[in-house]
Every structure is written in structure tokens, then in C-alpha cells.
Amino acid sequence: MKKTLSVLLSIILVLSCASLCSAFAADSKAGFGEYEHVIIIGIDGLGASYEKVDSPNFDRIFADNAYRYNCHTEYITTSAQNWGSILLGVDYETHGMTNDSTKENRHTSDDELHSIFYYTRQAMPKAKLVSVNHWPNINYGIIEDDIGVKKVNRFTDVLTADEVIHNINTINVPTLMFVQLDDVDHAAHTYGGFSDEYYEAAAESDKRLGRIFDAFEARGLMDNSLFILVTDHGETTDGHGGQTVEESSALLAVAGKSVNKTILPESAHNRDVAAIALYALGIELPDYFDSKVPAGLFGESREKTVAENPAPSQDNLADALAFPFVRGFNLIMPAFAWIYDIYYRAGIFSIFA
């Protein structure tokens, strides 16, 4: 009887500890360093407009992943303020970049704040880093000029997308790639943010998004790639820069093998892209970052989730709740008998006498 009681109490103790440790590890590190490539597609001026236009490529890429149409932007809804935050991981008040400053001043590694390209280069000295943009200020004044980033400026979205696909199809696929498309913002400035021309440009951006994603998928890269879509700000009939709902709503969407199917939390910002990208590559986030990995974004890999953790129904909820303990029991039982025998011979369980 004493021996039986000792065995039962020991099993409960070991399984409880194993389950707690396993849960903590999955919660804190899911998605960390799981990806070899991160590609970020930024669409200037798009805001949350994919809610209002036919966007079949966005739907097929992100419907079973994570997204939110109305993430927060910086309170000044202009390009440099937001692209600066998205790439540097801090709010506008911290980095202070403007459209004029990014046009006039080169950003280098000697500056106090650094982009995600800088931290990727520090962690991976041989990584291929690429930035292809329609709006040249990003390459000139936001991404460092002295850390070996391949920078390409193309002055139409068609040429920008072509350049991106060319880079994807080369042998050395980028570890980190940032892409900025600008035609949607151009349409808003020319015709107004609620015009037919604006929404037509938004629909065209969806086609280019699909082309870029398909190029990645055709090379089999999505097994080890995180694909991110982000917008800097939205538009009104009079442009952007203010704090209306339309201007200050940003689309953020993430697709990858360990990305949960979820709507991102209301607290999500477009600047969270910086934290997501570094985290996915296994790079620890700087302490000063305002950028965070949104809660619930990452989970176990798709294959592991389907094979080992089927979604519980009302009929098998009790089994689902018990699953971690059963799994833990099966994993440790081969060694348990041997460990118990040593402890028992040493008299450790005599306290139950």
C-alpha cells in the first residue's frame, strides 16, 4: 500500500511539473527563430481599404492566418513617421523622422536608433538583406546606408514588383526583405481617398501582393518564410496626416507555418512589424522597443497542431483537457520505473510510512 501510494504521488508530481514547463515554453517561445526568411510588403496609403474592395489574393493568403484591418498607426499619419516606426520599432516621438528629414539625411549605423536590418546583420553577418521601394526616402533616410543592405528604388509599382520577384528567383534568397508599393497613395493624392481611382489602385495592389507571394510559394519558400503585409496610414478626400478613423487605421497581416488563425488584438500597432520580424528570425528584441509581438500571433507549427492537438468538440472536451497529462505520461513512463527503483532503494519514500 505504501509503495503504491508513493508511486501515485510521484507520477502526479512529475506530470504536473512537465506539463507546466511544456506550457510555459510553448507560450514564451512559439515562433521564435522558426523562420529562415521574412518578407515585409508595405503598401503606402492603403489603410483598411481591403475591407471595401475585392482583394482575393489577400483573402487566400491571410484568411487562415492572422490579420487586423484597423491596427493603430502613429498619431501623425504621414509616411516617414510610420515607415520609420515600422522599421525601427519605436514610436514617432522617439525616432522623430519626417518626410523632409528622410529625404535630406542618410541613416547610418552610427545613429542612436537602428532598423531591423541592423539587428539582423549583427546576428547574421552573412545574411542577404534586400530593400526594394517605390518611395526612395525609405532606402535613403530610414534603412542604414552602411550595413550591406541591397537597396533598389523603382519608380512604379509594376517595376517594384518585378524587381522583388527577380530577387526571390535568385539563388541567394533574402533573409530579410522589405518592399514598399506607393501607387495607392499616389491615387489618393491625385483623385482623393474615397475616389473610384483610389479603390482601383487598392485592387491593383492586391494583384501585386499575389504575384510576390506566388513567387515565394513557387520556390517552396513558404515552409520557412514569414510573410507580412502592413500599411502606413489610410486616406481621406483631403489626403492624410490627421487622426480620422480612415487615416489612423492600418492593416497588419501575418502568414507562416506557426501563425495562428486569429484576429490580432485591438492593441496591435503597425510598428509591431519590427518585433514580429526579429522574433521570427530568432533575434532578441532591444529593450527600448515600443514594438511588440501581438498576443496570440504564434502557436505550434501547423503540422504539429493538426497531428497532435485536434480541436476539441463539446463531445471530447474532457479528453482534450486531459491530453497534456496523457501525452506527458507516455513520454516519461519508460524512464520512470528505473528512477523510482533508485529512489525506493535509497529510502526516499519512507516519509509515507
Protein backbone atom coordinates (compact mmCIF):
# COMPACT_ATOMS: atom_id res chain seq x y z
CA MET A 1 0.00 0.00 0.00
CA LYS A 2 2.81 2.36 0.95
CA LYS A 3 4.64 1.58 -2.28
CA THR A 4 1.50 2.15 -4.37
CA LEU A 5 0.83 5.50 -2.69
CA SER A 6 4.41 6.59 -3.30
CA VAL A 7 4.19 5.72 -6.98
CA LEU A 8 0.91 7.58 -7.49
CA LEU A 9 2.10 10.74 -5.74
CA SER A 10 5.36 10.70 -7.68
CA ILE A 11 3.56 10.35 -11.02
CA ILE A 12 1.27 13.29 -10.21
CA LEU A 13 4.22 15.46 -9.20
CA VAL A 14 6.32 14.67 -12.27
CA LEU A 15 3.45 15.08 -14.74
CA SER A 16 2.36 18.38 -13.21
CA CYS A 17 5.88 19.80 -13.47
CA ALA A 18 6.35 18.52 -17.02
CA SER A 19 3.02 19.96 -18.18
CA LEU A 20 3.71 23.36 -16.62
CA CYS A 21 7.20 23.53 -18.13
CA SER A 22 5.91 22.49 -21.54
CA ALA A 23 3.09 25.05 -21.46
CA PHE A 24 5.47 27.84 -20.44
CA ALA A 25 7.99 27.01 -23.17
CA ALA A 26 5.32 26.91 -25.90
CA ASP A 27 3.79 30.17 -24.66
CA SER A 28 7.03 32.13 -24.44
CA LYS A 29 8.91 30.84 -27.50
CA ALA A 30 6.34 29.74 -30.08
CA GLY A 31 7.51 31.11 -33.42
CA PHE A 32 10.87 32.28 -32.08
CA GLY A 33 13.58 31.58 -34.64
CA GLU A 34 11.34 29.24 -36.67
CA TYR A 35 11.84 31.12 -39.92
CA GLU A 36 14.76 31.44 -42.34
CA HIS A 37 13.20 34.26 -44.37
CA VAL A 38 10.99 37.23 -43.51
CA ILE A 39 9.42 39.32 -46.26
CA ILE A 40 7.52 42.51 -45.44
CA ILE A 41 5.22 44.07 -48.02
CA GLY A 42 4.30 47.66 -47.22
CA ILE A 43 1.51 49.35 -49.17
CA ASP A 44 1.51 53.11 -48.75
CA GLY A 45 -1.86 54.76 -48.16
CA LEU A 46 -3.89 51.56 -48.26
CA GLY A 47 -5.15 51.81 -44.68
CA ALA A 48 -8.00 49.36 -44.16
CA SER A 49 -9.25 49.59 -47.75
CA TYR A 50 -9.12 45.85 -48.40
CA GLU A 51 -12.32 45.72 -46.35
CA LYS A 52 -14.00 47.72 -49.13
CA VAL A 53 -12.50 46.33 -52.33
CA ASP A 54 -12.29 42.89 -53.86
CA SER A 55 -8.94 41.53 -52.64
CA PRO A 56 -8.85 37.81 -53.48
CA ASN A 57 -5.09 37.47 -53.02
CA PHE A 58 -5.16 38.99 -49.56
CA ASP A 59 -8.04 36.69 -48.67
CA ARG A 60 -6.33 33.49 -49.83
CA ILE A 61 -3.03 34.35 -48.17
CA PHE A 62 -4.23 35.60 -44.80
CA ALA A 63 -7.75 34.25 -44.18
CA ASP A 64 -6.33 31.22 -42.35
CA ASN A 65 -3.56 33.20 -40.68
CA ALA A 66 -3.53 36.38 -38.56
CA TYR A 67 -4.64 39.88 -39.50
CA ARG A 68 -6.41 43.03 -38.38
CA TYR A 69 -7.74 45.76 -40.63
CA ASN A 70 -7.65 48.60 -38.09
CA CYS A 71 -4.36 48.40 -36.22
CA HIS A 72 -3.04 51.65 -34.76
CA THR A 73 -0.80 53.98 -36.74
CA GLU A 74 1.44 56.73 -35.37
CA TYR A 75 -0.66 59.72 -34.39
CA ILE A 76 0.80 61.71 -37.30
CA THR A 77 -0.44 59.73 -40.26
CA THR A 78 2.24 60.51 -42.82
CA SER A 79 4.70 58.19 -44.50
CA ALA A 80 8.08 58.75 -42.82
CA GLN A 81 6.60 58.84 -39.33
CA ASN A 82 5.02 55.44 -39.86
CA TRP A 83 7.60 53.68 -42.02
CA GLY A 84 10.21 54.90 -39.54
CA SER A 85 8.28 53.28 -36.69
CA ILE A 86 7.62 50.10 -38.65
CA LEU A 87 11.32 49.61 -39.47
CA LEU A 88 12.88 50.96 -36.24
CA GLY A 89 10.36 49.53 -33.78
CA VAL A 90 9.79 52.76 -31.84
CA ASP A 91 7.10 55.42 -31.85
CA TYR A 92 7.33 58.64 -33.82
CA GLU A 93 8.17 60.73 -30.74
CA THR A 94 11.28 58.59 -30.27
CA HIS A 95 12.65 58.46 -33.82
CA GLY A 96 11.45 61.90 -34.96
CA MET A 97 11.71 61.14 -38.68
CA THR A 98 9.73 63.20 -41.16
CA ASN A 99 9.33 63.15 -44.93
CA ASP A 100 11.80 66.03 -45.20
CA SER A 101 14.41 64.55 -42.84
CA THR A 102 14.41 61.16 -44.59
CA LYS A 103 14.95 62.94 -47.89
CA GLU A 104 17.84 65.05 -46.62
CA ASN A 105 19.67 62.87 -44.09
CA ARG A 106 21.28 59.48 -44.58
CA HIS A 107 20.66 56.99 -41.76
CA THR A 108 23.78 55.08 -40.70
CA SER A 109 24.77 52.57 -38.02
CA ASP A 110 26.37 55.43 -36.05
CA ASP A 111 22.93 56.83 -35.25
CA GLU A 112 21.40 56.05 -31.86
CA LEU A 113 18.42 54.08 -33.18
CA HIS A 114 18.67 51.10 -35.51
CA SER A 115 16.44 49.36 -38.01
CA ILE A 116 15.54 45.68 -38.09
CA PHE A 117 18.12 45.33 -40.89
CA TYR A 118 20.85 46.45 -38.50
CA TYR A 119 19.91 43.87 -35.85
CA THR A 120 19.62 41.14 -38.47
CA ARG A 121 23.09 42.00 -39.77
CA GLN A 122 24.52 41.91 -36.24
CA ALA A 123 23.01 38.47 -35.59
CA MET A 124 23.68 37.07 -39.08
CA PRO A 125 26.76 38.67 -40.65
CA LYS A 126 26.35 36.76 -43.93
CA ALA A 127 22.59 37.26 -44.31
CA LYS A 128 21.29 38.63 -47.60
CA LEU A 129 19.31 41.79 -46.85
CA VAL A 130 17.21 43.49 -49.53
CA SER A 131 15.01 46.59 -49.63
CA VAL A 132 13.03 47.41 -52.77
CA ASN A 133 10.95 50.58 -52.70
CA HIS A 134 8.88 52.84 -54.87
CA TRP A 135 9.30 55.75 -52.39
CA PRO A 136 13.09 56.37 -52.22
CA ASN A 137 13.10 58.06 -48.79
CA ILE A 138 12.94 54.67 -47.07
CA ASN A 139 16.19 53.46 -48.58
CA TYR A 140 17.83 56.85 -48.24
CA GLY A 141 16.85 58.04 -44.78
CA ILE A 142 15.36 55.15 -42.77
CA ILE A 143 17.39 51.99 -43.52
CA GLU A 144 21.09 52.27 -42.63
CA ASP A 145 23.41 53.01 -45.51
CA ASP A 146 26.48 51.13 -44.25
CA ILE A 147 25.38 47.61 -43.25
CA GLY A 148 25.32 45.86 -46.61
CA VAL A 149 21.64 46.08 -47.47
CA LYS A 150 20.94 45.75 -51.19
CA LYS A 151 18.80 48.82 -51.87
CA VAL A 152 16.80 49.23 -55.06
CA ASN A 153 14.45 52.10 -55.93
CA ARG A 154 11.89 51.67 -58.71
CA PHE A 155 9.52 54.44 -59.62
CA THR A 156 6.39 52.47 -60.45
CA ASP A 157 4.76 49.65 -58.54
CA VAL A 158 4.95 47.41 -61.61
CA LEU A 159 8.74 47.77 -61.74
CA THR A 160 9.00 47.40 -57.96
CA ALA A 161 7.11 44.10 -58.02
CA ASP A 162 9.22 42.88 -60.97
CA GLU A 163 12.42 43.66 -59.04
CA VAL A 164 11.15 41.82 -55.95
CA ILE A 165 10.30 38.72 -57.95
CA HIS A 166 13.71 38.83 -59.63
CA ASN A 167 15.37 38.80 -56.20
CA ILE A 168 13.17 35.96 -54.99
CA ASN A 169 14.12 33.90 -58.04
CA THR A 170 17.86 34.28 -57.49
CA ILE A 171 19.83 31.54 -55.77
CA ASN A 172 20.51 33.51 -52.58
CA VAL A 173 17.05 34.20 -51.24
CA PRO A 174 16.99 37.19 -48.85
CA THR A 175 16.90 36.50 -45.14
CA LEU A 176 15.06 39.80 -44.67
CA MET A 177 13.32 41.72 -47.44
CA PHE A 178 11.28 44.91 -47.23
CA VAL A 179 9.11 46.07 -50.12
CA GLN A 180 7.17 49.33 -50.43
CA LEU A 181 4.44 49.94 -53.02
CA ASP A 182 3.25 53.51 -53.49
CA ASP A 183 0.63 53.71 -56.28
CA VAL A 184 -2.31 53.64 -53.83
CA ASP A 185 -1.03 56.75 -52.08
CA HIS A 186 -0.41 58.44 -55.44
CA ALA A 187 -4.02 57.79 -56.45
CA ALA A 188 -5.28 59.29 -53.21
CA HIS A 189 -3.22 62.44 -53.64
CA THR A 190 -4.37 62.83 -57.24
CA TYR A 191 -8.04 61.83 -57.04
CA GLY A 192 -8.93 61.70 -53.32
CA GLY A 193 -9.01 58.89 -50.80
CA PHE A 194 -12.60 57.83 -51.46
CA SER A 195 -12.47 58.04 -55.24
CA ASP A 196 -13.01 55.24 -57.72
CA GLU A 197 -9.41 55.66 -58.85
CA TYR A 198 -8.18 55.16 -55.28
CA TYR A 199 -10.09 51.92 -54.85
CA GLU A 200 -8.95 50.73 -58.28
CA ALA A 201 -5.34 51.30 -57.19
CA ALA A 202 -6.04 49.35 -53.99
CA ALA A 203 -7.38 46.43 -56.05
CA GLU A 204 -4.27 46.56 -58.26
CA SER A 205 -2.05 46.39 -55.18
CA ASP A 206 -3.76 43.12 -54.27
CA LYS A 207 -2.70 41.67 -57.63
CA ARG A 208 0.93 42.61 -56.98
CA LEU A 209 0.71 41.14 -53.49
CA GLY A 210 -0.44 37.89 -55.08
CA ARG A 211 2.39 37.89 -57.64
CA ILE A 212 5.03 38.32 -54.94
CA PHE A 213 3.53 35.65 -52.70
CA ASP A 214 3.21 33.21 -55.60
CA ALA A 215 6.89 33.69 -56.43
CA PHE A 216 7.81 32.73 -52.88
CA GLU A 217 5.47 29.77 -52.91
CA ALA A 218 6.68 28.55 -56.32
CA ARG A 219 10.18 28.17 -54.90
CA GLY A 220 8.86 26.25 -51.89
CA LEU A 221 9.97 29.03 -49.58
CA MET A 222 6.79 29.42 -47.56
CA ASP A 223 7.71 26.36 -45.48
CA ASN A 224 10.38 28.51 -43.84
CA SER A 225 9.19 32.06 -44.55
CA LEU A 226 7.12 34.58 -42.64
CA PHE A 227 5.06 36.77 -44.99
CA ILE A 228 3.92 40.13 -43.57
CA LEU A 229 1.67 42.81 -45.05
CA VAL A 230 1.46 46.24 -43.44
CA THR A 231 0.16 49.71 -44.31
CA ASP A 232 1.43 53.01 -43.00
CA HIS A 233 -1.82 55.00 -42.97
CA GLY A 234 -5.15 55.45 -44.69
CA GLU A 235 -6.59 58.35 -46.66
CA THR A 236 -9.42 60.90 -46.73
CA THR A 237 -10.77 63.06 -49.52
CA ASP A 238 -8.21 65.69 -48.50
CA GLY A 239 -5.18 63.44 -48.13
CA HIS A 240 -3.72 62.23 -44.83
CA GLY A 241 -1.81 63.38 -41.78
CA GLY A 242 -4.66 63.76 -39.31
CA GLN A 243 -6.34 61.44 -36.83
CA THR A 244 -9.58 60.42 -38.53
CA VAL A 245 -10.57 56.76 -38.37
CA GLU A 246 -9.74 56.31 -42.05
CA GLU A 247 -6.27 57.86 -41.73
CA SER A 248 -5.28 56.16 -38.48
CA SER A 249 -6.35 52.60 -39.40
CA ALA A 250 -3.55 50.33 -40.60
CA LEU A 251 -3.80 46.82 -41.98
CA LEU A 252 -1.41 44.29 -40.45
CA ALA A 253 -1.44 40.66 -41.61
CA VAL A 254 0.97 37.78 -40.99
CA ALA A 255 1.21 34.35 -42.66
CA GLY A 256 3.53 31.48 -41.74
CA LYS A 257 3.75 27.89 -40.56
CA SER A 258 3.34 28.71 -36.86
CA VAL A 259 0.95 31.67 -37.21
CA ASN A 260 -2.39 31.15 -35.53
CA LYS A 261 -5.65 31.72 -37.37
CA THR A 262 -6.74 34.78 -35.42
CA ILE A 263 -7.80 38.40 -35.48
CA LEU A 264 -4.94 40.37 -33.97
CA PRO A 265 -5.75 42.21 -30.70
CA GLU A 266 -7.07 45.77 -30.66
CA SER A 267 -3.80 46.92 -29.11
CA ALA A 268 -1.78 45.96 -32.21
CA HIS A 269 0.20 48.72 -33.98
CA ASN A 270 1.69 48.79 -37.45
CA ARG A 271 5.09 49.27 -35.78
CA ASP A 272 4.74 45.77 -34.29
CA VAL A 273 6.14 44.54 -37.61
CA ALA A 274 9.65 45.23 -36.31
CA ALA A 275 9.22 42.94 -33.29
CA ILE A 276 7.48 40.23 -35.32
CA ALA A 277 10.26 40.13 -37.91
CA LEU A 278 13.14 39.94 -35.43
CA TYR A 279 11.34 37.43 -33.23
CA ALA A 280 10.61 35.14 -36.18
CA LEU A 281 14.31 35.16 -37.12
CA GLY A 282 15.31 34.30 -33.54
CA ILE A 283 16.77 37.72 -32.69
CA GLU A 284 16.17 39.09 -29.19
CA LEU A 285 14.28 42.38 -29.16
CA PRO A 286 16.07 45.54 -27.98
CA ASP A 287 14.94 46.71 -24.54
CA TYR A 288 13.92 50.13 -25.86
CA PHE A 289 11.46 48.79 -28.48
CA ASP A 290 7.89 50.11 -28.44
CA SER A 291 7.15 47.36 -30.96
CA LYS A 292 5.71 44.12 -29.53
CA VAL A 293 4.77 40.69 -30.83
CA PRO A 294 0.94 40.76 -30.65
CA ALA A 295 -0.58 38.32 -28.17
CA GLY A 296 -1.83 35.11 -29.76
CA LEU A 297 0.07 35.56 -33.02
CA PHE A 298 2.25 32.47 -32.83
CA GLY A 299 1.44 28.90 -31.83
CA GLU A 300 2.79 25.46 -32.60
CA SER A 301 3.56 24.64 -36.22
CA ARG A 302 0.58 23.76 -38.42
CA GLU A 303 1.66 20.13 -38.91
CA LYS A 304 2.21 19.58 -35.21
CA THR A 305 -1.08 21.18 -34.28
CA VAL A 306 -3.09 19.06 -36.71
CA ALA A 307 -1.34 15.79 -35.90
CA GLU A 308 -1.17 16.01 -32.14
CA ASN A 309 -3.68 18.58 -30.93
CA PRO A 310 -7.04 18.24 -32.72
CA ALA A 311 -9.52 20.96 -31.87
CA PRO A 312 -11.85 19.75 -29.07
CA SER A 313 -15.56 19.44 -29.64
CA GLN A 314 -18.17 19.50 -26.90
CA ASP A 315 -18.21 15.69 -27.00
CA ASN A 316 -14.50 15.23 -26.39
CA LEU A 317 -13.71 18.29 -24.26
CA ALA A 318 -12.76 16.17 -21.24
CA ASP A 319 -10.34 14.17 -23.37
CA ALA A 320 -8.84 17.35 -24.78
CA LEU A 321 -8.29 18.80 -21.31
CA ALA A 322 -6.60 15.62 -20.19
CA PHE A 323 -4.44 15.38 -23.33
CA PRO A 324 -1.31 17.17 -22.00
CA PHE A 325 -1.18 14.86 -18.99
CA VAL A 326 -1.67 11.72 -21.04
CA ARG A 327 0.99 12.82 -23.50
CA GLY A 328 3.39 13.62 -20.67
CA PHE A 329 2.69 10.28 -19.03
CA ASN A 330 3.50 8.39 -22.22
CA LEU A 331 6.74 10.31 -22.65
CA ILE A 332 8.16 9.73 -19.16
CA MET A 333 6.96 6.22 -18.32
CA PRO A 334 9.91 4.37 -19.96
CA ALA A 335 12.31 6.08 -17.54
CA PHE A 336 10.06 6.35 -14.52
CA ALA A 337 10.31 2.77 -13.31
CA TRP A 338 14.10 2.95 -13.27
CA ILE A 339 14.14 6.29 -11.42
CA TYR A 340 11.57 5.07 -8.90
CA ASP A 341 13.57 1.93 -8.17
CA ILE A 342 16.65 4.00 -7.29
CA TYR A 343 14.65 6.35 -5.06
CA TYR A 344 12.84 3.49 -3.35
CA ARG A 345 16.07 1.63 -2.56
CA ALA A 346 17.53 4.83 -1.12
CA GLY A 347 14.58 5.12 1.27
CA ILE A 348 13.37 8.46 -0.08
CA PHE A 349 9.74 7.40 0.09
CA SER A 350 9.95 6.31 3.73
CA ILE A 351 8.21 9.55 4.68
CA PHE A 352 4.93 7.93 3.71
CA ALA A 353 5.36 5.20 6.36
